[in-house]
């Protein structure tokens, strides 16, 4: 069994493309800052936000959901900037697109959704900031 730190190291080293669910076009929002940092660190960012669908965020077209994003891109990490109660349908889409990793940002914990994802073979990190974790390893 992987420790959480081993899992985080695996995710960051094995992944190239991050679908950021809830990515905002507003530079002041945490989702934007984290995504910009990860993009500057060499990851491809795929914005997913129904309110911003069709817009360009960080130079990438925004999709309304993971299913449409995955029709155009291979997604490695589903990075969630949504409230914990909003995670279950995201998990169902992550399962449908066969995403290998689900990441819930700091403050986001949904044990039932995480268990559902794990049962489908998705490796899960909860309540951690991907930017901070990446920074520890850089």
Protein backbone atom coordinates (compact mmCIF):
# COMPACT_ATOMS: atom_id res chain seq x y z
CA UNK A 1 0.00 0.00 0.00
CA UNK A 2 1.35 3.39 -1.00
CA UNK A 3 1.73 6.06 1.65
CA UNK A 4 0.02 9.35 0.85
CA UNK A 5 3.39 10.98 0.19
CA UNK A 6 4.38 8.15 -2.18
CA UNK A 7 1.04 8.52 -3.97
CA UNK A 8 1.52 12.28 -4.35
CA UNK A 9 5.03 11.74 -5.73
CA UNK A 10 3.65 9.16 -8.20
CA UNK A 11 0.85 11.46 -9.34
CA UNK A 12 3.15 14.41 -9.90
CA UNK A 13 5.81 12.38 -11.72
CA UNK A 14 3.50 10.22 -13.87
CA UNK A 15 1.05 12.92 -14.97
CA UNK A 16 1.20 15.46 -17.76
CA UNK A 17 -2.36 16.79 -18.11
CA UNK A 18 -4.54 18.21 -15.34
CA UNK A 19 -8.25 18.90 -15.79
CA UNK A 20 -8.99 21.66 -13.29
CA UNK A 21 -12.68 21.40 -12.38
CA UNK A 22 -13.92 24.77 -11.19
CA UNK A 23 -11.09 26.76 -12.77
CA UNK A 24 -11.92 30.46 -12.76
CA UNK A 25 -10.81 33.02 -15.32
CA UNK A 26 -10.38 35.51 -12.45
CA UNK A 27 -6.69 35.76 -11.60
CA UNK A 28 -7.57 36.53 -7.96
CA UNK A 29 -9.17 33.10 -7.43
CA UNK A 30 -7.10 30.27 -5.87
CA UNK A 31 -7.99 27.90 -8.74
CA UNK A 32 -6.44 30.30 -11.25
CA UNK A 33 -3.24 30.77 -9.25
CA UNK A 34 -2.76 27.05 -8.69
CA UNK A 35 -3.47 26.21 -12.35
CA UNK A 36 -1.11 28.94 -13.58
CA UNK A 37 1.64 27.61 -11.31
CA UNK A 38 1.14 24.02 -12.48
CA UNK A 39 1.11 25.18 -16.11
CA UNK A 40 4.35 27.12 -15.56
CA UNK A 41 5.79 23.93 -14.03
CA UNK A 42 5.24 22.03 -17.29
CA UNK A 43 1.77 20.51 -16.92
CA UNK A 44 -0.99 20.96 -19.49
CA UNK A 45 -4.02 22.55 -17.88
CA UNK A 46 -7.51 21.77 -19.17
CA UNK A 47 -10.10 24.17 -17.71
CA UNK A 48 -13.48 22.64 -16.77
CA UNK A 49 -16.21 25.03 -15.68
CA UNK A 50 -19.74 25.18 -17.15
CA UNK A 51 -19.99 28.92 -16.45
CA UNK A 52 -16.80 29.57 -18.45
CA UNK A 53 -17.31 26.96 -21.20
CA UNK A 54 -16.01 28.11 -24.57
CA UNK A 55 -13.87 30.84 -23.02
CA UNK A 56 -10.09 30.72 -22.99
CA UNK A 57 -8.42 30.43 -19.59
CA UNK A 58 -4.63 30.32 -19.33
CA UNK A 59 -4.50 29.93 -23.11
CA UNK A 60 -6.70 26.81 -23.09
CA UNK A 61 -10.34 26.36 -24.16
CA UNK A 62 -12.63 25.76 -21.19
CA UNK A 63 -15.02 22.79 -21.28
CA UNK A 64 -18.39 22.49 -19.54
CA UNK A 65 -17.60 19.06 -18.05
CA UNK A 66 -15.01 16.30 -17.92
CA UNK A 67 -16.73 14.22 -20.59
CA UNK A 68 -16.33 16.94 -23.20
CA UNK A 69 -12.79 17.75 -22.04
CA UNK A 70 -11.81 14.08 -22.34
CA UNK A 71 -13.20 13.92 -25.87
CA UNK A 72 -10.34 16.26 -26.84
CA UNK A 73 -7.58 15.51 -24.30
CA UNK A 74 -6.06 12.61 -22.38
CA UNK A 75 -6.60 13.60 -18.74
CA UNK A 76 -4.26 12.30 -16.05
CA UNK A 77 -5.42 14.23 -12.97
CA UNK A 78 -8.90 15.52 -12.19
CA UNK A 79 -8.12 18.42 -9.83
CA UNK A 80 -11.25 19.63 -8.00
CA UNK A 81 -11.90 23.18 -6.88
CA UNK A 82 -15.52 22.51 -5.94
CA UNK A 83 -17.38 22.11 -2.65
CA UNK A 84 -17.30 18.64 -1.14
CA UNK A 85 -21.02 18.15 -1.86
CA UNK A 86 -20.33 18.73 -5.57
CA UNK A 87 -17.70 15.96 -5.82
CA UNK A 88 -19.87 12.83 -6.45
CA UNK A 89 -20.93 13.75 -10.02
CA UNK A 90 -17.32 14.74 -10.77
CA UNK A 91 -16.23 11.29 -9.58
CA UNK A 92 -18.77 9.65 -11.87
CA UNK A 93 -17.37 11.58 -14.82
CA UNK A 94 -13.79 10.78 -13.75
CA UNK A 95 -14.75 7.09 -13.75
CA UNK A 96 -16.40 7.43 -17.16
CA UNK A 97 -13.27 8.98 -18.70
CA UNK A 98 -10.99 6.50 -16.91
CA UNK A 99 -8.93 9.20 -15.18
CA UNK A 100 -6.15 7.57 -13.16
CA UNK A 101 -6.06 10.24 -10.43
CA UNK A 102 -8.55 12.40 -8.52
CA UNK A 103 -7.25 15.32 -6.46
CA UNK A 104 -9.44 17.29 -4.06
CA UNK A 105 -7.85 20.60 -3.10
CA UNK A 106 -7.28 21.88 0.44
CA UNK A 107 -10.45 21.88 2.51
CA UNK A 108 -12.28 19.44 0.23
CA UNK A 109 -13.11 16.09 1.80
CA UNK A 110 -15.78 13.68 0.61
CA UNK A 111 -15.08 10.18 1.93
CA UNK A 112 -17.98 8.52 0.09
CA UNK A 113 -16.94 9.99 -3.28
CA UNK A 114 -13.31 9.05 -2.62
CA UNK A 115 -14.35 5.48 -1.83
CA UNK A 116 -16.42 5.30 -5.03
CA UNK A 117 -13.43 6.54 -7.04
CA UNK A 118 -11.07 4.06 -5.37
CA UNK A 119 -13.48 1.18 -6.05
CA UNK A 120 -13.29 2.15 -9.74
CA UNK A 121 -9.47 2.08 -9.66
CA UNK A 122 -8.83 5.81 -9.34
CA UNK A 123 -6.13 6.87 -6.89
CA UNK A 124 -7.32 9.72 -4.65
CA UNK A 125 -5.76 12.61 -2.75
CA UNK A 126 -8.01 14.75 -0.53
CA UNK A 127 -7.55 18.00 1.37
CA UNK A 128 -4.18 18.84 -0.20
CA UNK A 129 -3.05 21.67 -2.47
CA UNK A 130 -1.36 20.34 -5.62
CA UNK A 131 0.69 23.55 -5.92
CA UNK A 132 2.06 23.21 -2.38
CA UNK A 133 2.77 19.51 -2.84
CA UNK A 134 4.54 20.18 -6.14
CA UNK A 135 6.56 22.94 -4.49
CA UNK A 136 7.81 20.52 -1.84
CA UNK A 137 9.23 18.30 -4.58
CA UNK A 138 10.77 20.97 -6.81
